[in-house]
Each structure stands twice: as structure tokens, then as C-alpha cells.
């Protein structure tokens, strides 16, 4: 009898453990590792924008967002966006990617924007989302805050070919005393609204520590373009913690220097560079 009672209790436990339906499964939080930056709202939807820091930053921004109608996530929207800087006498855009669904998610969209200048009291950035759901078109715009940065992570300059370029640091975002993977974006300004990726250039690097005799580091690899993401990848050697100036030279496909100077005994830094301190 005791054995029969034991099997009866086991059967009941298995029945209830296996009989729960999908309605009782807790939904996965696809933004649990992200921080809300801002909600964009119109009469129909809320677009919640997230990133790793909770704020827009000068330079490269990897951005994620979700679209909701009430409490329902929209997973079938076709979305584009347009960042615009409104200045006193003109407006212009900046480099930005197309929008895709983040891999292995159901509700999360992603892309990047490169803000090449900060806002101020009289000049500001505005971000507009245009999207279509089941053939119906919607739009929403909000003013956003892009503060100045205390470290140089983006360079805007005119090359020797009379083309204006934007070169932005992407990685390392968390530098280590090690041979770090380094990623940068290289863009050019076709006009005030169009900033395409530049193809087949080289971004030479020469990291130096100005406070430590301007010494360099071994095993650095200059950045070249990857076919997979169109960004520029290389290796950055950081041999100790502290302040580093990553001196740059931008070369075109013919290996002609468009901007930047070599570091020598008489020239301590290039005119274009990134700054890292950790």
C-alpha cells in the first residue's frame, strides 16, 4: 500500500509539472542587459530606445529599440531612422546604419549612429523613426541629448583629397592591459545628408603614452576593412594602465596618406587621434 501511495503521488506531481501551457511561461526579457535611454511616443505606439550606458554619446552609439502598441510588442515593422543636427544656420545628418532585427530575438531591433558633434543650448540633435506596420505608415520624432566627451573618440577632418571624413573609435570599449581587438568606422561626407562607409582604406595606428616618455607598444596591427560588417579591424597593444593617445593616419586604397602624421622624435603626435584612459 505504501508503494502504491508513493507512485500515486509521483504521478500527480508529473501531471501538474507537464500540464502547464504556454500561457504560464514567463516571457523572456530581451532588454535585461540594456538601459532605457528614451521613449519616443506618438498616438499609436511607443518606441523604447536602449543601449549599454543609458545615454547617447558623442561618437559611436550601438542602439536597440522595441515598438509597442499598448502592452503588445510589434515584431513585424519595417523601420528606418534619420538623425539630424539642427544648427543655427543649417541642418545636417551623420553616419548611421540601416536597422535590422537583433539576432535570436523576437522584439528587439538594432543599429548604430555616429554623432560627430555634441549638442548645446542653441543646437540640438533630433532622431526620427519612420516605420510601416501591415501597410500603414507611422512616424515619431524626439529631440535627444548628445553631451560633449572628455576623451576624443571621433575625428572630423578634410583629407588631402578635399573630402571630409569621419573616423570613429568603436572598440575597445573596455580596454585591458593586453592585445585588444580594435574596431573603427571610416566614413566620408558625400553631402549634408549622406555619410557612406569608405571602402578599402587603411587606418594606421601608433599608440603612445605622453605622460610616460611617449613610449609606444609592440604587436599593433593597423586597421583594415572587413567584408562582414564594413568596419575597420586591427589589434591595439596596451602594455599598462593610464592615458593613451592612439595616433592615426588615414591612407586611401593607393596607400596615399590623406590625413595624419608619423610620430617621430621631433613630432610627438598626429593631428588625428583617439584617446583612451583606463
C-alpha atoms as a PDB file:
ATOM      1  CA  UNK A   1       0.000   0.000   0.000  1.00  0.00           C
ATOM      2  CA  UNK A   2       2.829   2.387   0.846  1.00  0.00           C
ATOM      3  CA  UNK A   3       4.413   1.656  -2.542  1.00  0.00           C
ATOM      4  CA  UNK A   4       1.105   2.284  -4.334  1.00  0.00           C
ATOM      5  CA  UNK A   5       0.649   5.559  -2.458  1.00  0.00           C
ATOM      6  CA  UNK A   6       4.165   6.651  -3.458  1.00  0.00           C
ATOM      7  CA  UNK A   7       3.549   6.021  -7.166  1.00  0.00           C
ATOM      8  CA  UNK A   8       0.199   7.835  -6.986  1.00  0.00           C
ATOM      9  CA  UNK A   9       1.811  10.959  -5.542  1.00  0.00           C
ATOM     10  CA  UNK A  10       4.576  10.785  -8.168  1.00  0.00           C
ATOM     11  CA  UNK A  11       2.033  10.544 -10.981  1.00  0.00           C
ATOM     12  CA  UNK A  12       0.127  13.576  -9.672  1.00  0.00           C
ATOM     13  CA  UNK A  13       3.347  15.610  -9.452  1.00  0.00           C
ATOM     14  CA  UNK A  14       4.324  14.695 -13.014  1.00  0.00           C
ATOM     15  CA  UNK A  15       0.859  15.525 -14.287  1.00  0.00           C
ATOM     16  CA  UNK A  16       0.898  19.056 -12.887  1.00  0.00           C
ATOM     17  CA  UNK A  17       4.510  19.695 -13.931  1.00  0.00           C
ATOM     18  CA  UNK A  18       3.755  18.720 -17.539  1.00  0.00           C
ATOM     19  CA  UNK A  19       0.286  20.214 -17.888  1.00  0.00           C
ATOM     20  CA  UNK A  20       1.235  23.911 -17.712  1.00  0.00           C
ATOM     21  CA  UNK A  21       0.537  25.571 -21.045  1.00  0.00           C
ATOM     22  CA  UNK A  22       2.389  28.330 -22.882  1.00  0.00           C
ATOM     23  CA  UNK A  23       0.296  30.977 -21.135  1.00  0.00           C
ATOM     24  CA  UNK A  24       2.091  30.229 -17.869  1.00  0.00           C
ATOM     25  CA  UNK A  25       5.622  30.501 -19.334  1.00  0.00           C
ATOM     26  CA  UNK A  26       7.268  33.743 -18.271  1.00  0.00           C
ATOM     27  CA  UNK A  27       8.221  35.928 -21.274  1.00  0.00           C
ATOM     28  CA  UNK A  28      11.913  36.462 -21.937  1.00  0.00           C
ATOM     29  CA  UNK A  29      13.118  39.982 -21.158  1.00  0.00           C
ATOM     30  CA  UNK A  30      15.155  40.833 -24.264  1.00  0.00           C
ATOM     31  CA  UNK A  31      16.415  44.130 -22.785  1.00  0.00           C
ATOM     32  CA  UNK A  32      17.527  42.872 -19.363  1.00  0.00           C
ATOM     33  CA  UNK A  33      21.196  43.688 -20.090  1.00  0.00           C
ATOM     34  CA  UNK A  34      20.372  47.125 -21.551  1.00  0.00           C
ATOM     35  CA  UNK A  35      19.447  50.521 -20.075  1.00  0.00           C
ATOM     36  CA  UNK A  36      16.500  52.635 -21.256  1.00  0.00           C
ATOM     37  CA  UNK A  37      17.661  55.858 -22.920  1.00  0.00           C
ATOM     38  CA  UNK A  38      14.384  57.429 -24.043  1.00  0.00           C
ATOM     39  CA  UNK A  39      10.797  56.668 -25.041  1.00  0.00           C
ATOM     40  CA  UNK A  40       9.549  58.037 -28.381  1.00  0.00           C
ATOM     41  CA  UNK A  41       5.754  58.294 -28.411  1.00  0.00           C
ATOM     42  CA  UNK A  42       3.010  59.108 -30.910  1.00  0.00           C
ATOM     43  CA  UNK A  43      -0.736  58.457 -30.746  1.00  0.00           C
ATOM     44  CA  UNK A  44      -0.397  54.774 -31.630  1.00  0.00           C
ATOM     45  CA  UNK A  45       2.954  53.468 -30.410  1.00  0.00           C
ATOM     46  CA  UNK A  46       5.853  53.784 -28.003  1.00  0.00           C
ATOM     47  CA  UNK A  47       9.389  53.191 -29.257  1.00  0.00           C
ATOM     48  CA  UNK A  48      11.662  52.446 -26.309  1.00  0.00           C
ATOM     49  CA  UNK A  49      15.342  53.074 -27.093  1.00  0.00           C
ATOM     50  CA  UNK A  50      18.078  51.239 -25.162  1.00  0.00           C
ATOM     51  CA  UNK A  51      21.845  50.943 -25.082  1.00  0.00           C
ATOM     52  CA  UNK A  52      24.595  49.863 -22.688  1.00  0.00           C
ATOM     53  CA  UNK A  53      25.015  53.222 -20.924  1.00  0.00           C
ATOM     54  CA  UNK A  54      21.549  54.779 -20.717  1.00  0.00           C
ATOM     55  CA  UNK A  55      22.562  57.860 -22.705  1.00  0.00           C
ATOM     56  CA  UNK A  56      23.556  58.950 -26.198  1.00  0.00           C
ATOM     57  CA  UNK A  57      27.276  59.664 -26.532  1.00  0.00           C
ATOM     58  CA  UNK A  58      29.496  61.693 -28.820  1.00  0.00           C
ATOM     59  CA  UNK A  59      30.911  59.213 -31.336  1.00  0.00           C
ATOM     60  CA  UNK A  60      29.702  55.662 -31.957  1.00  0.00           C
ATOM     61  CA  UNK A  61      26.390  54.519 -30.452  1.00  0.00           C
ATOM     62  CA  UNK A  62      25.057  50.956 -30.745  1.00  0.00           C
ATOM     63  CA  UNK A  63      21.295  51.343 -30.277  1.00  0.00           C
ATOM     64  CA  UNK A  64      18.468  48.876 -29.639  1.00  0.00           C
ATOM     65  CA  UNK A  65      14.730  49.524 -29.533  1.00  0.00           C
ATOM     66  CA  UNK A  66      11.316  47.926 -29.202  1.00  0.00           C
ATOM     67  CA  UNK A  67       7.963  49.081 -30.588  1.00  0.00           C
ATOM     68  CA  UNK A  68       4.813  48.610 -28.519  1.00  0.00           C
ATOM     69  CA  UNK A  69       1.144  49.304 -29.085  1.00  0.00           C
ATOM     70  CA  UNK A  70      -0.272  49.380 -25.586  1.00  0.00           C
ATOM     71  CA  UNK A  71       1.180  46.276 -23.943  1.00  0.00           C
ATOM     72  CA  UNK A  72       1.747  44.416 -27.229  1.00  0.00           C
ATOM     73  CA  UNK A  73       5.148  44.235 -28.878  1.00  0.00           C
ATOM     74  CA  UNK A  74       5.275  44.870 -32.632  1.00  0.00           C
ATOM     75  CA  UNK A  75       7.553  42.305 -34.279  1.00  0.00           C
ATOM     76  CA  UNK A  76       6.838  42.880 -37.971  1.00  0.00           C
ATOM     77  CA  UNK A  77       7.619  46.576 -38.513  1.00  0.00           C
ATOM     78  CA  UNK A  78       9.770  47.860 -41.364  1.00  0.00           C
ATOM     79  CA  UNK A  79      11.761  50.710 -39.796  1.00  0.00           C
ATOM     80  CA  UNK A  80      14.144  53.421 -40.935  1.00  0.00           C
ATOM     81  CA  UNK A  81      15.556  56.324 -38.960  1.00  0.00           C
ATOM     82  CA  UNK A  82      17.139  59.707 -39.542  1.00  0.00           C
ATOM     83  CA  UNK A  83      19.320  61.596 -37.037  1.00  0.00           C
ATOM     84  CA  UNK A  84      19.511  65.341 -37.683  1.00  0.00           C
ATOM     85  CA  UNK A  85      21.610  68.071 -36.108  1.00  0.00           C
ATOM     86  CA  UNK A  86      19.762  71.400 -36.150  1.00  0.00           C
ATOM     87  CA  UNK A  87      22.278  74.261 -36.060  1.00  0.00           C
ATOM     88  CA  UNK A  88      21.729  77.994 -36.113  1.00  0.00           C
ATOM     89  CA  UNK A  89      22.071  78.346 -39.893  1.00  0.00           C
ATOM     90  CA  UNK A  90      21.888  74.792 -41.237  1.00  0.00           C
ATOM     91  CA  UNK A  91      20.934  71.185 -40.532  1.00  0.00           C
ATOM     92  CA  UNK A  92      22.892  68.034 -41.286  1.00  0.00           C
ATOM     93  CA  UNK A  93      22.833  64.333 -40.572  1.00  0.00           C
ATOM     94  CA  UNK A  94      25.630  61.910 -39.635  1.00  0.00           C
ATOM     95  CA  UNK A  95      26.806  58.348 -40.326  1.00  0.00           C
ATOM     96  CA  UNK A  96      24.210  55.733 -39.373  1.00  0.00           C
ATOM     97  CA  UNK A  97      23.348  52.153 -40.236  1.00  0.00           C
ATOM     98  CA  UNK A  98      20.211  50.532 -41.533  1.00  0.00           C
ATOM     99  CA  UNK A  99      18.005  48.818 -38.945  1.00  0.00           C
ATOM    100  CA  UNK A 100      17.837  45.053 -38.531  1.00  0.00           C
ATOM    101  CA  UNK A 101      16.328  42.607 -36.060  1.00  0.00           C
ATOM    102  CA  UNK A 102      18.826  41.673 -33.361  1.00  0.00           C
ATOM    103  CA  UNK A 103      19.735  38.007 -33.923  1.00  0.00           C
ATOM    104  CA  UNK A 104      17.919  35.463 -31.751  1.00  0.00           C
ATOM    105  CA  UNK A 105      15.314  37.967 -30.535  1.00  0.00           C
ATOM    106  CA  UNK A 106      11.640  38.419 -31.337  1.00  0.00           C
ATOM    107  CA  UNK A 107      11.038  42.077 -30.416  1.00  0.00           C
ATOM    108  CA  UNK A 108      14.396  43.861 -30.471  1.00  0.00           C
ATOM    109  CA  UNK A 109      15.650  45.991 -33.370  1.00  0.00           C
ATOM    110  CA  UNK A 110      19.229  47.289 -33.619  1.00  0.00           C
ATOM    111  CA  UNK A 111      21.536  49.652 -35.485  1.00  0.00           C
ATOM    112  CA  UNK A 112      24.204  52.292 -34.902  1.00  0.00           C
ATOM    113  CA  UNK A 113      24.530  56.068 -35.142  1.00  0.00           C
ATOM    114  CA  UNK A 114      27.747  58.132 -35.103  1.00  0.00           C
ATOM    115  CA  UNK A 115      27.181  61.576 -33.592  1.00  0.00           C
ATOM    116  CA  UNK A 116      30.124  63.643 -34.817  1.00  0.00           C
ATOM    117  CA  UNK A 117      29.399  66.728 -32.705  1.00  0.00           C
ATOM    118  CA  UNK A 118      27.682  67.390 -29.371  1.00  0.00           C
ATOM    119  CA  UNK A 119      24.562  69.435 -28.868  1.00  0.00           C
ATOM    120  CA  UNK A 120      24.453  72.682 -26.898  1.00  0.00           C
ATOM    121  CA  UNK A 121      21.966  75.305 -25.749  1.00  0.00           C
ATOM    122  CA  UNK A 122      21.218  76.526 -29.279  1.00  0.00           C
ATOM    123  CA  UNK A 123      21.982  73.439 -31.423  1.00  0.00           C
ATOM    124  CA  UNK A 124      20.442  70.021 -30.914  1.00  0.00           C
ATOM    125  CA  UNK A 125      20.049  66.546 -32.362  1.00  0.00           C
ATOM    126  CA  UNK A 126      16.672  65.152 -33.377  1.00  0.00           C
ATOM    127  CA  UNK A 127      16.016  61.462 -34.087  1.00  0.00           C
ATOM    128  CA  UNK A 128      13.107  60.439 -36.326  1.00  0.00           C
ATOM    129  CA  UNK A 129      11.720  56.925 -36.773  1.00  0.00           C
ATOM    130  CA  UNK A 130       9.672  56.160 -39.896  1.00  0.00           C
ATOM    131  CA  UNK A 131       8.042  52.747 -39.874  1.00  0.00           C
ATOM    132  CA  UNK A 132       5.371  50.665 -41.559  1.00  0.00           C
ATOM    133  CA  UNK A 133       3.145  48.079 -39.873  1.00  0.00           C
ATOM    134  CA  UNK A 134       0.841  45.964 -42.033  1.00  0.00           C
ATOM    135  CA  UNK A 135       0.996  48.552 -44.808  1.00  0.00           C
ATOM    136  CA  UNK A 136       0.206  51.536 -42.555  1.00  0.00           C
ATOM    137  CA  UNK A 137       2.864  54.246 -42.218  1.00  0.00           C
ATOM    138  CA  UNK A 138       3.849  55.964 -38.961  1.00  0.00           C
ATOM    139  CA  UNK A 139       6.458  58.452 -37.786  1.00  0.00           C
ATOM    140  CA  UNK A 140       7.747  59.770 -34.483  1.00  0.00           C
ATOM    141  CA  UNK A 141      10.468  62.327 -33.666  1.00  0.00           C
ATOM    142  CA  UNK A 142      12.101  63.496 -30.455  1.00  0.00           C
ATOM    143  CA  UNK A 143      14.902  65.881 -29.524  1.00  0.00           C
ATOM    144  CA  UNK A 144      17.795  63.963 -27.979  1.00  0.00           C
ATOM    145  CA  UNK A 145      20.746  64.993 -25.831  1.00  0.00           C
ATOM    146  CA  UNK A 146      24.306  64.312 -27.003  1.00  0.00           C
ATOM    147  CA  UNK A 147      26.751  65.776 -24.456  1.00  0.00           C
ATOM    148  CA  UNK A 148      30.445  66.560 -25.023  1.00  0.00           C
ATOM    149  CA  UNK A 149      33.044  63.900 -24.245  1.00  0.00           C
ATOM    150  CA  UNK A 150      36.181  64.303 -22.145  1.00  0.00           C
ATOM    151  CA  UNK A 151      38.057  61.878 -24.409  1.00  0.00           C
ATOM    152  CA  UNK A 152      38.444  62.121 -28.169  1.00  0.00           C
ATOM    153  CA  UNK A 153      36.665  59.197 -29.798  1.00  0.00           C
ATOM    154  CA  UNK A 154      35.691  60.777 -33.127  1.00  0.00           C
ATOM    155  CA  UNK A 155      37.673  62.817 -35.676  1.00  0.00           C
ATOM    156  CA  UNK A 156      36.135  65.018 -38.368  1.00  0.00           C
ATOM    157  CA  UNK A 157      38.596  66.400 -40.911  1.00  0.00           C
ATOM    158  CA  UNK A 158      39.256  67.368 -44.505  1.00  0.00           C
ATOM    159  CA  UNK A 159      41.583  64.974 -46.294  1.00  0.00           C
ATOM    160  CA  UNK A 160      44.243  65.975 -48.795  1.00  0.00           C
ATOM    161  CA  UNK A 161      41.779  64.825 -51.487  1.00  0.00           C
ATOM    162  CA  UNK A 162      39.323  67.584 -50.420  1.00  0.00           C
ATOM    163  CA  UNK A 163      36.891  65.024 -48.976  1.00  0.00           C
ATOM    164  CA  UNK A 164      35.560  65.410 -45.447  1.00  0.00           C
ATOM    165  CA  UNK A 165      35.986  62.248 -43.358  1.00  0.00           C
ATOM    166  CA  UNK A 166      34.644  60.980 -40.056  1.00  0.00           C
ATOM    167  CA  UNK A 167      36.745  58.394 -38.201  1.00  0.00           C
ATOM    168  CA  UNK A 168      35.246  56.970 -35.008  1.00  0.00           C
ATOM    169  CA  UNK A 169      36.507  54.574 -32.334  1.00  0.00           C
ATOM    170  CA  UNK A 170      34.196  51.609 -31.640  1.00  0.00           C
ATOM    171  CA  UNK A 171      36.322  49.075 -29.745  1.00  0.00           C
ATOM    172  CA  UNK A 172      37.870  48.572 -27.290  1.00  0.00           C
ATOM    173  CA  UNK A 173      35.065  49.962 -25.141  1.00  0.00           C
ATOM    174  CA  UNK A 174      36.535  48.178 -22.110  1.00  0.00           C
ATOM    175  CA  UNK A 175      40.323  48.252 -22.708  1.00  0.00           C
ATOM    176  CA  UNK A 176      42.659  45.837 -20.978  1.00  0.00           C
ATOM    177  CA  UNK A 177      46.411  45.508 -20.454  1.00  0.00           C
ATOM    178  CA  UNK A 178      46.608  43.120 -23.381  1.00  0.00           C
ATOM    179  CA  UNK A 179      46.492  42.934 -27.154  1.00  0.00           C
ATOM    180  CA  UNK A 180      42.988  44.340 -27.641  1.00  0.00           C
ATOM    181  CA  UNK A 181      40.719  43.853 -30.630  1.00  0.00           C
ATOM    182  CA  UNK A 182      40.309  47.311 -32.148  1.00  0.00           C
ATOM    183  CA  UNK A 183      37.420  48.437 -34.359  1.00  0.00           C
ATOM    184  CA  UNK A 184      36.797  51.812 -36.006  1.00  0.00           C
ATOM    185  CA  UNK A 185      34.390  53.253 -38.532  1.00  0.00           C
ATOM    186  CA  UNK A 186      35.605  55.297 -41.519  1.00  0.00           C
ATOM    187  CA  UNK A 187      33.008  57.409 -43.324  1.00  0.00           C
ATOM    188  CA  UNK A 188      33.005  60.284 -45.793  1.00  0.00           C
ATOM    189  CA  UNK A 189      30.586  63.135 -46.314  1.00  0.00           C
ATOM    190  CA  UNK A 190      29.013  62.996 -49.781  1.00  0.00           C
ATOM    191  CA  UNK A 191      26.646  65.792 -48.784  1.00  0.00           C
ATOM    192  CA  UNK A 192      24.947  67.115 -45.646  1.00  0.00           C
ATOM    193  CA  UNK A 193      22.610  64.107 -45.502  1.00  0.00           C
ATOM    194  CA  UNK A 194      24.730  61.225 -46.790  1.00  0.00           C
ATOM    195  CA  UNK A 195      27.769  59.771 -44.978  1.00  0.00           C
ATOM    196  CA  UNK A 196      28.665  56.412 -46.550  1.00  0.00           C
ATOM    197  CA  UNK A 197      31.274  53.949 -45.337  1.00  0.00           C
ATOM    198  CA  UNK A 198      34.647  54.324 -47.059  1.00  0.00           C
ATOM    199  CA  UNK A 199      35.896  51.130 -48.702  1.00  0.00           C
ATOM    200  CA  UNK A 200      39.389  49.615 -48.904  1.00  0.00           C
ATOM    201  CA  UNK A 201      41.274  52.261 -46.923  1.00  0.00           C
ATOM    202  CA  UNK A 202      43.806  51.654 -44.132  1.00  0.00           C
ATOM    203  CA  UNK A 203      43.813  53.267 -40.706  1.00  0.00           C
ATOM    204  CA  UNK A 204      47.336  53.170 -39.288  1.00  0.00           C
ATOM    205  CA  UNK A 205      47.732  53.324 -35.512  1.00  0.00           C
ATOM    206  CA  UNK A 206      50.624  54.324 -33.261  1.00  0.00           C
ATOM    207  CA  UNK A 207      49.604  54.199 -29.571  1.00  0.00           C
ATOM    208  CA  UNK A 208      51.685  56.367 -27.244  1.00  0.00           C
ATOM    209  CA  UNK A 209      51.714  57.312 -23.549  1.00  0.00           C
ATOM    210  CA  UNK A 210      52.513  61.069 -23.468  1.00  0.00           C
ATOM    211  CA  UNK A 211      52.958  61.031 -19.686  1.00  0.00           C
ATOM    212  CA  UNK A 212      55.450  58.177 -19.820  1.00  0.00           C
ATOM    213  CA  UNK A 213      58.078  59.443 -22.260  1.00  0.00           C
ATOM    214  CA  UNK A 214      55.687  58.991 -25.196  1.00  0.00           C
ATOM    215  CA  UNK A 215      56.582  55.286 -25.405  1.00  0.00           C
ATOM    216  CA  UNK A 216      54.692  53.015 -27.786  1.00  0.00           C
ATOM    217  CA  UNK A 217      53.801  49.308 -27.577  1.00  0.00           C
ATOM    218  CA  UNK A 218      54.568  46.138 -29.567  1.00  0.00           C
ATOM    219  CA  UNK A 219      52.494  43.952 -31.894  1.00  0.00           C
ATOM    220  CA  UNK A 220      49.948  46.549 -33.004  1.00  0.00           C
ATOM    221  CA  UNK A 221      48.109  45.802 -36.231  1.00  0.00           C
ATOM    222  CA  UNK A 222      46.814  48.578 -38.486  1.00  0.00           C
ATOM    223  CA  UNK A 223      43.078  48.573 -39.201  1.00  0.00           C
ATOM    224  CA  UNK A 224      41.708  47.270 -42.486  1.00  0.00           C
ATOM    225  CA  UNK A 225      38.133  46.826 -43.648  1.00  0.00           C
ATOM    226  CA  UNK A 226      36.164  43.652 -43.021  1.00  0.00           C
ATOM    227  CA  UNK A 227      33.699  42.418 -45.633  1.00  0.00           C
ATOM    228  CA  UNK A 228      31.335  41.147 -42.923  1.00  0.00           C
ATOM    229  CA  UNK A 229      30.426  44.447 -41.270  1.00  0.00           C
ATOM    230  CA  UNK A 230      32.220  47.055 -43.470  1.00  0.00           C
ATOM    231  CA  UNK A 231      34.017  48.372 -40.382  1.00  0.00           C
ATOM    232  CA  UNK A 232      37.793  48.515 -39.835  1.00  0.00           C
ATOM    233  CA  UNK A 233      39.521  45.991 -37.567  1.00  0.00           C
ATOM    234  CA  UNK A 234      43.019  45.579 -36.147  1.00  0.00           C
ATOM    235  CA  UNK A 235      44.912  44.995 -32.901  1.00  0.00           C
ATOM    236  CA  UNK A 236      45.778  47.554 -30.221  1.00  0.00           C
ATOM    237  CA  UNK A 237      48.523  46.735 -27.728  1.00  0.00           C
ATOM    238  CA  UNK A 238      48.156  48.423 -24.321  1.00  0.00           C
ATOM    239  CA  UNK A 239      51.035  47.491 -22.043  1.00  0.00           C
ATOM    240  CA  UNK A 240      49.937  49.348 -18.879  1.00  0.00           C
ATOM    241  CA  UNK A 241      47.011  51.266 -17.439  1.00  0.00           C
ATOM    242  CA  UNK A 242      46.844  55.040 -17.807  1.00  0.00           C
ATOM    243  CA  UNK A 243      46.292  57.621 -20.538  1.00  0.00           C
ATOM    244  CA  UNK A 244      46.978  56.561 -24.138  1.00  0.00           C
ATOM    245  CA  UNK A 245      46.869  58.664 -27.300  1.00  0.00           C
ATOM    246  CA  UNK A 246      46.200  56.458 -30.341  1.00  0.00           C
ATOM    247  CA  UNK A 247      47.826  58.401 -33.178  1.00  0.00           C
ATOM    248  CA  UNK A 248      46.217  57.819 -36.565  1.00  0.00           C
ATOM    249  CA  UNK A 249      47.000  58.064 -40.243  1.00  0.00           C
ATOM    250  CA  UNK A 250      44.289  57.522 -42.866  1.00  0.00           C
ATOM    251  CA  UNK A 251      45.500  56.027 -46.170  1.00  0.00           C
ATOM    252  CA  UNK A 252      43.419  55.557 -49.300  1.00  0.00           C
ATOM    253  CA  UNK A 253      43.315  52.428 -51.468  1.00  0.00           C
ATOM    254  CA  UNK A 254      46.510  53.567 -53.210  1.00  0.00           C
ATOM    255  CA  UNK A 255      48.306  53.870 -49.822  1.00  0.00           C
ATOM    256  CA  UNK A 256      48.415  57.655 -50.083  1.00  0.00           C
ATOM    257  CA  UNK A 257      48.209  59.442 -46.723  1.00  0.00           C
ATOM    258  CA  UNK A 258      45.084  61.583 -46.647  1.00  0.00           C
ATOM    259  CA  UNK A 259      45.480  62.854 -43.081  1.00  0.00           C
ATOM    260  CA  UNK A 260      47.732  62.244 -40.099  1.00  0.00           C
ATOM    261  CA  UNK A 261      51.451  62.358 -39.414  1.00  0.00           C
ATOM    262  CA  UNK A 262      54.029  59.844 -38.208  1.00  0.00           C
ATOM    263  CA  UNK A 263      55.226  60.148 -34.617  1.00  0.00           C
ATOM    264  CA  UNK A 264      58.962  60.911 -34.517  1.00  0.00           C
ATOM    265  CA  UNK A 265      61.482  62.388 -32.084  1.00  0.00           C
ATOM    266  CA  UNK A 266      60.520  65.858 -33.317  1.00  0.00           C
ATOM    267  CA  UNK A 267      56.776  65.209 -33.811  1.00  0.00           C
ATOM    268  CA  UNK A 268      55.105  63.865 -30.673  1.00  0.00           C
ATOM    269  CA  UNK A 269      51.616  63.222 -32.074  1.00  0.00           C
ATOM    270  CA  UNK A 270      49.437  63.098 -35.145  1.00  0.00           C
ATOM    271  CA  UNK A 271      46.794  65.697 -35.913  1.00  0.00           C
ATOM    272  CA  UNK A 272      44.148  62.943 -35.761  1.00  0.00           C
ATOM    273  CA  UNK A 273      43.983  60.533 -32.831  1.00  0.00           C
ATOM    274  CA  UNK A 274      41.815  58.715 -30.293  1.00  0.00           C
ATOM    275  CA  UNK A 275      42.170  58.928 -26.536  1.00  0.00           C
ATOM    276  CA  UNK A 276      41.850  56.005 -24.120  1.00  0.00           C
ATOM    277  CA  UNK A 277      42.314  56.065 -20.357  1.00  0.00           C
ATOM    278  CA  UNK A 278      41.752  53.117 -18.051  1.00  0.00           C
END
